[in-house]
Amino acid sequence: ALYRNVSDVNGEAVLKFADGSTLTFHGLHKADLSYDD
């Protein structure tokens, strides 16, 4: 469910939290992230 909330925005993986806040993983795409991260 967490992974479904990650999307690529302007070429970088962005995780959206429940309160609308976001966490950007600079230099990475969604496909670079997996469960062990």
PDB file of all heavy atoms in Angstrom:
ATOM      1  N   ALA A   1       0.832  -1.206   0.000  1.00  0.00           N
ATOM      2  CA  ALA A   1       0.000   0.000   0.000  1.00  0.00           C
ATOM      3  C   ALA A   1       0.867   1.258   0.000  1.00  0.00           C
ATOM      4  O   ALA A   1       0.547   2.250  -0.664  1.00  0.00           O
ATOM      5  CB  ALA A   1      -0.921  -0.007   1.215  1.00  0.00           C
ATOM      6  N   LEU A   2       1.975   1.218   0.742  1.00  0.00           N
ATOM      7  CA  LEU A   2       2.899   2.358   0.757  1.00  0.00           C
ATOM      8  C   LEU A   2       3.446   2.610  -0.643  1.00  0.00           C
ATOM      9  O   LEU A   2       3.520   3.764  -1.106  1.00  0.00           O
ATOM     10  CB  LEU A   2       4.049   2.076   1.722  1.00  0.00           C
ATOM     11  CG  LEU A   2       5.129   3.166   1.817  1.00  0.00           C
ATOM     12  CD1 LEU A   2       4.615   4.344   2.633  1.00  0.00           C
ATOM     13  CD2 LEU A   2       6.407   2.609   2.433  1.00  0.00           C
ATOM     14  N   TYR A   3       3.802   1.537  -1.339  1.00  0.00           N
ATOM     15  CA  TYR A   3       4.408   1.664  -2.670  1.00  0.00           C
ATOM     16  C   TYR A   3       3.438   2.289  -3.660  1.00  0.00           C
ATOM     17  O   TYR A   3       3.848   2.994  -4.581  1.00  0.00           O
ATOM     18  CB  TYR A   3       4.868   0.297  -3.152  1.00  0.00           C
ATOM     19  CG  TYR A   3       5.824   0.335  -4.311  1.00  0.00           C
ATOM     20  CD1 TYR A   3       7.115   0.844  -4.146  1.00  0.00           C
ATOM     21  CD2 TYR A   3       5.465  -0.138  -5.564  1.00  0.00           C
ATOM     22  CE1 TYR A   3       8.014   0.876  -5.207  1.00  0.00           C
ATOM     23  CE2 TYR A   3       6.348  -0.099  -6.633  1.00  0.00           C
ATOM     24  CZ  TYR A   3       7.625   0.412  -6.442  1.00  0.00           C
ATOM     25  OH  TYR A   3       8.506   0.457  -7.488  1.00  0.00           O
ATOM     26  N   ARG A   4       2.141   2.047  -3.461  1.00  0.00           N
ATOM     27  CA  ARG A   4       1.149   2.651  -4.347  1.00  0.00           C
ATOM     28  C   ARG A   4       1.096   4.167  -4.184  1.00  0.00           C
ATOM     29  O   ARG A   4       0.626   4.878  -5.079  1.00  0.00           O
ATOM     30  CB  ARG A   4      -0.231   2.047  -4.091  1.00  0.00           C
ATOM     31  CG  ARG A   4      -0.408   0.644  -4.657  1.00  0.00           C
ATOM     32  CD  ARG A   4      -1.866   0.241  -4.695  1.00  0.00           C
ATOM     33  NE  ARG A   4      -2.445   0.082  -3.370  1.00  0.00           N
ATOM     34  CZ  ARG A   4      -2.439  -1.056  -2.688  1.00  0.00           C
ATOM     35  NH1 ARG A   4      -1.892  -2.150  -3.212  1.00  0.00           N
ATOM     36  NH2 ARG A   4      -2.988  -1.124  -1.500  1.00  0.00           N
ATOM     37  N   ASN A   5       1.580   4.649  -3.054  1.00  0.00           N
ATOM     38  CA  ASN A   5       1.589   6.086  -2.795  1.00  0.00           C
ATOM     39  C   ASN A   5       2.868   6.768  -3.278  1.00  0.00           C
ATOM     40  O   ASN A   5       3.079   7.956  -3.038  1.00  0.00           O
ATOM     41  CB  ASN A   5       1.400   6.366  -1.304  1.00  0.00           C
ATOM     42  CG  ASN A   5       0.014   5.993  -0.821  1.00  0.00           C
ATOM     43  OD1 ASN A   5      -0.931   5.968  -1.608  1.00  0.00           O
ATOM     44  ND2 ASN A   5      -0.116   5.677   0.467  1.00  0.00           N
ATOM     45  N   VAL A   6       3.743   5.998  -3.940  1.00  0.00           N
ATOM     46  CA  VAL A   6       4.961   6.558  -4.530  1.00  0.00           C
ATOM     47  C   VAL A   6       4.719   6.766  -6.020  1.00  0.00           C
ATOM     48  O   VAL A   6       4.180   5.895  -6.704  1.00  0.00           O
ATOM     49  CB  VAL A   6       6.163   5.614  -4.329  1.00  0.00           C
ATOM     50  CG1 VAL A   6       7.417   6.213  -4.965  1.00  0.00           C
ATOM     51  CG2 VAL A   6       6.401   5.338  -2.857  1.00  0.00           C
ATOM     52  N   SER A   7       5.096   7.903  -6.514  1.00  0.00           N
ATOM     53  CA  SER A   7       4.995   8.174  -7.949  1.00  0.00           C
ATOM     54  C   SER A   7       6.206   8.983  -8.386  1.00  0.00           C
ATOM     55  O   SER A   7       6.866   9.631  -7.568  1.00  0.00           O
ATOM     56  CB  SER A   7       3.700   8.934  -8.275  1.00  0.00           C
ATOM     57  OG  SER A   7       3.650  10.166  -7.566  1.00  0.00           O
ATOM     58  N   ASP A   8       6.511   8.921  -9.666  1.00  0.00           N
ATOM     59  CA  ASP A   8       7.602   9.719 -10.213  1.00  0.00           C
ATOM     60  C   ASP A   8       7.081  11.095 -10.590  1.00  0.00           C
ATOM     61  O   ASP A   8       6.168  11.221 -11.419  1.00  0.00           O
ATOM     62  CB  ASP A   8       8.205   9.035 -11.445  1.00  0.00           C
ATOM     63  CG  ASP A   8       9.055   7.830 -11.083  1.00  0.00           C
ATOM     64  OD1 ASP A   8       9.632   7.834  -9.988  1.00  0.00           O
ATOM     65  OD2 ASP A   8       9.130   6.885 -11.895  1.00  0.00           O
ATOM     66  N   VAL A   9       7.643  12.122  -9.964  1.00  0.00           N
ATOM     67  CA  VAL A   9       7.253  13.506 -10.224  1.00  0.00           C
ATOM     68  C   VAL A   9       8.499  14.257 -10.683  1.00  0.00           C
ATOM     69  O   VAL A   9       9.491  14.317  -9.960  1.00  0.00           O
ATOM     70  CB  VAL A   9       6.665  14.178  -8.961  1.00  0.00           C
ATOM     71  CG1 VAL A   9       6.297  15.624  -9.258  1.00  0.00           C
ATOM     72  CG2 VAL A   9       5.461  13.394  -8.462  1.00  0.00           C
ATOM     73  N   ASN A  10       8.449  14.793 -11.892  1.00  0.00           N
ATOM     74  CA  ASN A  10       9.618  15.479 -12.463  1.00  0.00           C
ATOM     75  C   ASN A  10      10.864  14.616 -12.415  1.00  0.00           C
ATOM     76  O   ASN A  10      11.973  15.086 -12.160  1.00  0.00           O
ATOM     77  CB  ASN A  10       9.869  16.809 -11.743  1.00  0.00           C
ATOM     78  CG  ASN A  10       8.746  17.804 -11.936  1.00  0.00           C
ATOM     79  OD1 ASN A  10       8.135  17.865 -12.998  1.00  0.00           O
ATOM     80  ND2 ASN A  10       8.457  18.582 -10.905  1.00  0.00           N
ATOM     81  N   GLY A  11      10.649  13.312 -12.652  1.00  0.00           N
ATOM     82  CA  GLY A  11      11.782  12.410 -12.761  1.00  0.00           C
ATOM     83  C   GLY A  11      12.340  11.896 -11.458  1.00  0.00           C
ATOM     84  O   GLY A  11      13.380  11.240 -11.449  1.00  0.00           O
ATOM     85  N   GLU A  12      11.659  12.147 -10.317  1.00  0.00           N
ATOM     86  CA  GLU A  12      12.144  11.651  -9.040  1.00  0.00           C
ATOM     87  C   GLU A  12      11.003  11.006  -8.262  1.00  0.00           C
ATOM     88  O   GLU A  12       9.844  11.419  -8.365  1.00  0.00           O
ATOM     89  CB  GLU A  12      12.771  12.775  -8.215  1.00  0.00           C
ATOM     90  CG  GLU A  12      14.045  13.336  -8.831  1.00  0.00           C
ATOM     91  CD  GLU A  12      14.714  14.379  -7.968  1.00  0.00           C
ATOM     92  OE1 GLU A  12      13.994  15.244  -7.415  1.00  0.00           O
ATOM     93  OE2 GLU A  12      15.940  14.343  -7.852  1.00  0.00           O
ATOM     94  N   ALA A  13      11.348   9.971  -7.458  1.00  0.00           N
ATOM     95  CA  ALA A  13      10.347   9.257  -6.674  1.00  0.00           C
ATOM     96  C   ALA A  13       9.837  10.136  -5.533  1.00  0.00           C
ATOM     97  O   ALA A  13      10.639  10.682  -4.753  1.00  0.00           O
ATOM     98  CB  ALA A  13      10.942   7.972  -6.122  1.00  0.00           C
ATOM     99  N   VAL A  14       8.517  10.269  -5.423  1.00  0.00           N
ATOM    100  CA  VAL A  14       7.902  11.081  -4.377  1.00  0.00           C
ATOM    101  C   VAL A  14       6.866  10.226  -3.653  1.00  0.00           C
ATOM    102  O   VAL A  14       5.953   9.669  -4.272  1.00  0.00           O
ATOM    103  CB  VAL A  14       7.229  12.337  -4.957  1.00  0.00           C
ATOM    104  CG1 VAL A  14       6.526  13.121  -3.844  1.00  0.00           C
ATOM    105  CG2 VAL A  14       8.249  13.218  -5.666  1.00  0.00           C
ATOM    106  N   LEU A  15       7.019  10.112  -2.325  1.00  0.00           N
ATOM    107  CA  LEU A  15       6.076   9.393  -1.478  1.00  0.00           C
ATOM    108  C   LEU A  15       5.134  10.394  -0.829  1.00  0.00           C
ATOM    109  O   LEU A  15       5.582  11.365  -0.220  1.00  0.00           O
ATOM    110  CB  LEU A  15       6.831   8.613  -0.399  1.00  0.00           C
ATOM    111  CG  LEU A  15       5.990   8.025   0.742  1.00  0.00           C
ATOM    112  CD1 LEU A  15       4.980   7.010   0.211  1.00  0.00           C
ATOM    113  CD2 LEU A  15       6.904   7.393   1.788  1.00  0.00           C
ATOM    114  N   LYS A  16       3.840  10.155  -0.971  1.00  0.00           N
ATOM    115  CA  LYS A  16       2.845  11.043  -0.370  1.00  0.00           C
ATOM    116  C   LYS A  16       2.335  10.434   0.921  1.00  0.00           C
ATOM    117  O   LYS A  16       1.900   9.279   0.952  1.00  0.00           O
ATOM    118  CB  LYS A  16       1.680  11.280  -1.334  1.00  0.00           C
ATOM    119  CG  LYS A  16       0.709  12.354  -0.847  1.00  0.00           C
ATOM    120  CD  LYS A  16      -0.325  12.693  -1.916  1.00  0.00           C
ATOM    121  CE  LYS A  16      -1.249  13.813  -1.443  1.00  0.00           C
ATOM    122  NZ  LYS A  16      -2.237  14.176  -2.490  1.00  0.00           N
ATOM    123  N   PHE A  17       2.399  11.230   2.014  1.00  0.00           N
ATOM    124  CA  PHE A  17       1.924  10.784   3.319  1.00  0.00           C
ATOM    125  C   PHE A  17       0.433  11.061   3.468  1.00  0.00           C
ATOM    126  O   PHE A  17      -0.185  11.782   2.666  1.00  0.00           O
ATOM    127  CB  PHE A  17       2.694  11.475   4.438  1.00  0.00           C
ATOM    128  CG  PHE A  17       4.144  11.089   4.508  1.00  0.00           C
ATOM    129  CD1 PHE A  17       5.143  12.044   4.449  1.00  0.00           C
ATOM    130  CD2 PHE A  17       4.524   9.756   4.635  1.00  0.00           C
ATOM    131  CE1 PHE A  17       6.479  11.695   4.523  1.00  0.00           C
ATOM    132  CE2 PHE A  17       5.857   9.390   4.710  1.00  0.00           C
ATOM    133  CZ  PHE A  17       6.837  10.358   4.657  1.00  0.00           C
ATOM    134  N   ALA A  18      -0.148  10.515   4.549  1.00  0.00           N
ATOM    135  CA  ALA A  18      -1.581  10.624   4.761  1.00  0.00           C
ATOM    136  C   ALA A  18      -2.037  12.063   4.968  1.00  0.00           C
ATOM    137  O   ALA A  18      -3.178  12.413   4.651  1.00  0.00           O
ATOM    138  CB  ALA A  18      -1.997   9.767   5.964  1.00  0.00           C
ATOM    139  N   ASP A  19      -1.156  12.914   5.498  1.00  0.00           N
ATOM    140  CA  ASP A  19      -1.556  14.307   5.776  1.00  0.00           C
ATOM    141  C   ASP A  19      -1.277  15.244   4.604  1.00  0.00           C
ATOM    142  O   ASP A  19      -1.393  16.457   4.736  1.00  0.00           O
ATOM    143  CB  ASP A  19      -0.857  14.821   7.035  1.00  0.00           C
ATOM    144  CG  ASP A  19       0.651  14.966   6.870  1.00  0.00           C
ATOM    145  OD1 ASP A  19       1.184  14.458   5.858  1.00  0.00           O
ATOM    146  OD2 ASP A  19       1.298  15.585   7.730  1.00  0.00           O
ATOM    147  N   GLY A  20      -0.872  14.682   3.457  1.00  0.00           N
ATOM    148  CA  GLY A  20      -0.593  15.502   2.289  1.00  0.00           C
ATOM    149  C   GLY A  20       0.861  15.890   2.147  1.00  0.00           C
ATOM    150  O   GLY A  20       1.259  16.443   1.118  1.00  0.00           O
ATOM    151  N   SER A  21       1.656  15.638   3.182  1.00  0.00           N
ATOM    152  CA  SER A  21       3.085  15.919   3.091  1.00  0.00           C
ATOM    153  C   SER A  21       3.739  14.944   2.115  1.00  0.00           C
ATOM    154  O   SER A  21       3.191  13.877   1.810  1.00  0.00           O
ATOM    155  CB  SER A  21       3.747  15.792   4.464  1.00  0.00           C
ATOM    156  OG  SER A  21       3.251  16.768   5.351  1.00  0.00           O
ATOM    157  N   THR A  22       4.919  15.298   1.618  1.00  0.00           N
ATOM    158  CA  THR A  22       5.616  14.443   0.659  1.00  0.00           C
ATOM    159  C   THR A  22       7.067  14.237   1.057  1.00  0.00           C
ATOM    160  O   THR A  22       7.677  15.066   1.751  1.00  0.00           O
ATOM    161  CB  THR A  22       5.574  15.050  -0.759  1.00  0.00           C
ATOM    162  OG1 THR A  22       6.192  16.346  -0.738  1.00  0.00           O
ATOM    163  CG2 THR A  22       4.151  15.154  -1.272  1.00  0.00           C
ATOM    164  N   LEU A  23       7.612  13.134   0.604  1.00  0.00           N
ATOM    165  CA  LEU A  23       9.028  12.818   0.786  1.00  0.00           C
ATOM    166  C   LEU A  23       9.598  12.475  -0.579  1.00  0.00           C
ATOM    167  O   LEU A  23       9.165  11.515  -1.225  1.00  0.00           O
ATOM    168  CB  LEU A  23       9.205  11.640   1.743  1.00  0.00           C
ATOM    169  CG  LEU A  23      10.627  11.087   1.867  1.00  0.00           C
ATOM    170  CD1 LEU A  23      11.587  12.156   2.373  1.00  0.00           C
ATOM    171  CD2 LEU A  23      10.643   9.854   2.771  1.00  0.00           C
ATOM    172  N   THR A  24      10.574  13.269  -1.025  1.00  0.00           N
ATOM    173  CA  THR A  24      11.208  13.051  -2.327  1.00  0.00           C
ATOM    174  C   THR A  24      12.540  12.337  -2.148  1.00  0.00           C
ATOM    175  O   THR A  24      13.358  12.719  -1.306  1.00  0.00           O
ATOM    176  CB  THR A  24      11.447  14.396  -3.041  1.00  0.00           C
ATOM    177  OG1 THR A  24      10.190  15.032  -3.281  1.00  0.00           O
ATOM    178  CG2 THR A  24      12.162  14.189  -4.371  1.00  0.00           C
ATOM    179  N   PHE A  25      12.747  11.296  -2.940  1.00  0.00           N
ATOM    180  CA  PHE A  25      14.025  10.583  -2.955  1.00  0.00           C
ATOM    181  C   PHE A  25      14.826  11.135  -4.139  1.00  0.00           C
ATOM    182  O   PHE A  25      14.654  10.695  -5.283  1.00  0.00           O
ATOM    183  CB  PHE A  25      13.795   9.077  -3.095  1.00  0.00           C
ATOM    184  CG  PHE A  25      13.132   8.462  -1.898  1.00  0.00           C
ATOM    185  CD1 PHE A  25      11.753   8.502  -1.752  1.00  0.00           C
ATOM    186  CD2 PHE A  25      13.885   7.863  -0.901  1.00  0.00           C
ATOM    187  CE1 PHE A  25      11.131   7.943  -0.652  1.00  0.00           C
ATOM    188  CE2 PHE A  25      13.280   7.314   0.215  1.00  0.00           C
ATOM    189  CZ  PHE A  25      11.893   7.349   0.341  1.00  0.00           C
ATOM    190  N   HIS A  26      15.680  12.119  -3.843  1.00  0.00           N
ATOM    191  CA  HIS A  26      16.399  12.831  -4.897  1.00  0.00           C
ATOM    192  C   HIS A  26      17.231  11.872  -5.741  1.00  0.00           C
ATOM    193  O   HIS A  26      17.981  11.028  -5.221  1.00  0.00           O
ATOM    194  CB  HIS A  26      17.309  13.894  -4.286  1.00  0.00           C
ATOM    195  CG  HIS A  26      18.221  14.544  -5.291  1.00  0.00           C
ATOM    196  ND1 HIS A  26      17.768  15.394  -6.261  1.00  0.00           N
ATOM    197  CD2 HIS A  26      19.563  14.424  -5.491  1.00  0.00           C
ATOM    198  CE1 HIS A  26      18.772  15.795  -7.005  1.00  0.00           C
ATOM    199  NE2 HIS A  26      19.879  15.220  -6.565  1.00  0.00           N
ATOM    200  N   GLY A  27      17.093  11.998  -7.063  1.00  0.00           N
ATOM    201  CA  GLY A  27      17.921  11.226  -7.984  1.00  0.00           C
ATOM    202  C   GLY A  27      17.468   9.795  -8.198  1.00  0.00           C
ATOM    203  O   GLY A  27      18.142   9.037  -8.898  1.00  0.00           O
ATOM    204  N   LEU A  28      16.340   9.413  -7.613  1.00  0.00           N
ATOM    205  CA  LEU A  28      15.855   8.048  -7.764  1.00  0.00           C
ATOM    206  C   LEU A  28      14.475   8.028  -8.403  1.00  0.00           C
ATOM    207  O   LEU A  28      13.700   8.973  -8.259  1.00  0.00           O
ATOM    208  CB  LEU A  28      15.788   7.344  -6.406  1.00  0.00           C
ATOM    209  CG  LEU A  28      17.109   7.178  -5.644  1.00  0.00           C
ATOM    210  CD1 LEU A  28      16.846   6.549  -4.289  1.00  0.00           C
ATOM    211  CD2 LEU A  28      18.095   6.325  -6.434  1.00  0.00           C
ATOM    212  N   HIS A  29      14.178   6.928  -9.084  1.00  0.00           N
ATOM    213  CA  HIS A  29      12.843   6.688  -9.602  1.00  0.00           C
ATOM    214  C   HIS A  29      12.116   5.701  -8.698  1.00  0.00           C
ATOM    215  O   HIS A  29      12.747   4.992  -7.895  1.00  0.00           O
ATOM    216  CB  HIS A  29      12.914   6.126 -11.024  1.00  0.00           C
ATOM    217  CG  HIS A  29      13.444   7.088 -12.024  1.00  0.00           C
ATOM    218  ND1 HIS A  29      14.572   6.842 -12.776  1.00  0.00           N
ATOM    219  CD2 HIS A  29      13.008   8.311 -12.396  1.00  0.00           C
ATOM    220  CE1 HIS A  29      14.810   7.865 -13.571  1.00  0.00           C
ATOM    221  NE2 HIS A  29      13.877   8.777 -13.359  1.00  0.00           N
ATOM    222  N   LYS A  30      10.808   5.629  -8.845  1.00  0.00           N
ATOM    223  CA  LYS A  30      10.016   4.673  -8.076  1.00  0.00           C
ATOM    224  C   LYS A  30      10.554   3.259  -8.250  1.00  0.00           C
ATOM    225  O   LYS A  30      10.627   2.490  -7.285  1.00  0.00           O
ATOM    226  CB  LYS A  30       8.546   4.751  -8.505  1.00  0.00           C
ATOM    227  CG  LYS A  30       7.649   3.752  -7.781  1.00  0.00           C
ATOM    228  CD  LYS A  30       6.189   3.912  -8.184  1.00  0.00           C
ATOM    229  CE  LYS A  30       5.308   2.896  -7.461  1.00  0.00           C
ATOM    230  NZ  LYS A  30       3.868   3.093  -7.759  1.00  0.00           N
ATOM    231  N   ALA A  31      10.944   2.916  -9.472  1.00  0.00           N
ATOM    232  CA  ALA A  31      11.425   1.566  -9.756  1.00  0.00           C
ATOM    233  C   ALA A  31      12.707   1.222  -9.013  1.00  0.00           C
ATOM    234  O   ALA A  31      13.062   0.045  -8.876  1.00  0.00           O
ATOM    235  CB  ALA A  31      11.637   1.394 -11.262  1.00  0.00           C
ATOM    236  N   ASP A  32      13.411   2.236  -8.504  1.00  0.00           N
ATOM    237  CA  ASP A  32      14.650   1.990  -7.764  1.00  0.00           C
ATOM    238  C   ASP A  32      14.386   1.558  -6.332  1.00  0.00           C
ATOM    239  O   ASP A  32      15.295   1.072  -5.645  1.00  0.00           O
ATOM    240  CB  ASP A  32      15.516   3.254  -7.737  1.00  0.00           C
ATOM    241  CG  ASP A  32      15.916   3.713  -9.118  1.00  0.00           C
ATOM    242  OD1 ASP A  32      16.207   2.847  -9.954  1.00  0.00           O
ATOM    243  OD2 ASP A  32      15.914   4.944  -9.363  1.00  0.00           O
ATOM    244  N   LEU A  33      13.170   1.756  -5.844  1.00  0.00           N
ATOM    245  CA  LEU A  33      12.838   1.493  -4.448  1.00  0.00           C
ATOM    246  C   LEU A  33      12.136   0.154  -4.310  1.00  0.00           C
ATOM    247  O   LEU A  33      11.336  -0.240  -5.162  1.00  0.00           O
ATOM    248  CB  LEU A  33      11.947   2.604  -3.900  1.00  0.00           C
ATOM    249  CG  LEU A  33      12.538   4.018  -3.981  1.00  0.00           C
ATOM    250  CD1 LEU A  33      11.504   5.056  -3.563  1.00  0.00           C
ATOM    251  CD2 LEU A  33      13.798   4.138  -3.130  1.00  0.00           C
ATOM    252  N   SER A  34      12.411  -0.550  -3.215  1.00  0.00           N
ATOM    253  CA  SER A  34      11.778  -1.842  -2.953  1.00  0.00           C
ATOM    254  C   SER A  34      11.482  -1.975  -1.472  1.00  0.00           C
ATOM    255  O   SER A  34      11.800  -1.088  -0.668  1.00  0.00           O
ATOM    256  CB  SER A  34      12.672  -2.985  -3.435  1.00  0.00           C
ATOM    257  OG  SER A  34      13.927  -2.942  -2.777  1.00  0.00           O
ATOM    258  N   TYR A  35      10.868  -3.109  -1.098  1.00  0.00           N
ATOM    259  CA  TYR A  35      10.374  -3.283   0.263  1.00  0.00           C
ATOM    260  C   TYR A  35      11.470  -3.170   1.312  1.00  0.00           C
ATOM    261  O   TYR A  35      11.230  -2.694   2.429  1.00  0.00           O
ATOM    262  CB  TYR A  35       9.670  -4.639   0.391  1.00  0.00           C
ATOM    263  CG  TYR A  35      10.604  -5.819   0.388  1.00  0.00           C
ATOM    264  CD1 TYR A  35      11.082  -6.362   1.594  1.00  0.00           C
ATOM    265  CD2 TYR A  35      11.035  -6.386  -0.796  1.00  0.00           C
ATOM    266  CE1 TYR A  35      11.953  -7.423   1.596  1.00  0.00           C
ATOM    267  CE2 TYR A  35      11.906  -7.447  -0.800  1.00  0.00           C
ATOM    268  CZ  TYR A  35      12.371  -7.970   0.393  1.00  0.00           C
ATOM    269  OH  TYR A  35      13.237  -9.021   0.409  1.00  0.00           O
ATOM    270  N   ASP A  36      12.709  -3.586   0.972  1.00  0.00           N
ATOM    271  CA  ASP A  36      13.774  -3.570   1.984  1.00  0.00           C
ATOM    272  C   ASP A  36      14.352  -2.173   2.198  1.00  0.00           C
ATOM    273  O   ASP A  36      15.258  -2.002   3.014  1.00  0.00           O
ATOM    274  CB  ASP A  36      14.881  -4.557   1.628  1.00  0.00           C
ATOM    275  CG  ASP A  36      15.543  -4.280   0.299  1.00  0.00           C
ATOM    276  OD1 ASP A  36      15.035  -3.423  -0.464  1.00  0.00           O
ATOM    277  OD2 ASP A  36      16.578  -4.926   0.004  1.00  0.00           O
ATOM    278  N   ASP A  37      13.826  -1.169   1.487  1.00  0.00           N
ATOM    279  CA  ASP A  37      14.260   0.208   1.713  1.00  0.00           C
ATOM    280  C   ASP A  37      13.416   0.909   2.768  1.00  0.00           C
ATOM    281  O   ASP A  37      13.693   2.062   3.121  1.00  0.00           O
ATOM    282  CB  ASP A  37      14.175   1.013   0.399  1.00  0.00           C
ATOM    283  CG  ASP A  37      15.086   0.456  -0.678  1.00  0.00           C
ATOM    284  OD1 ASP A  37      16.193   0.009  -0.332  1.00  0.00           O
ATOM    285  OD2 ASP A  37      14.680   0.472  -1.859  1.00  0.00           O
TER     286      ASP A  37
END
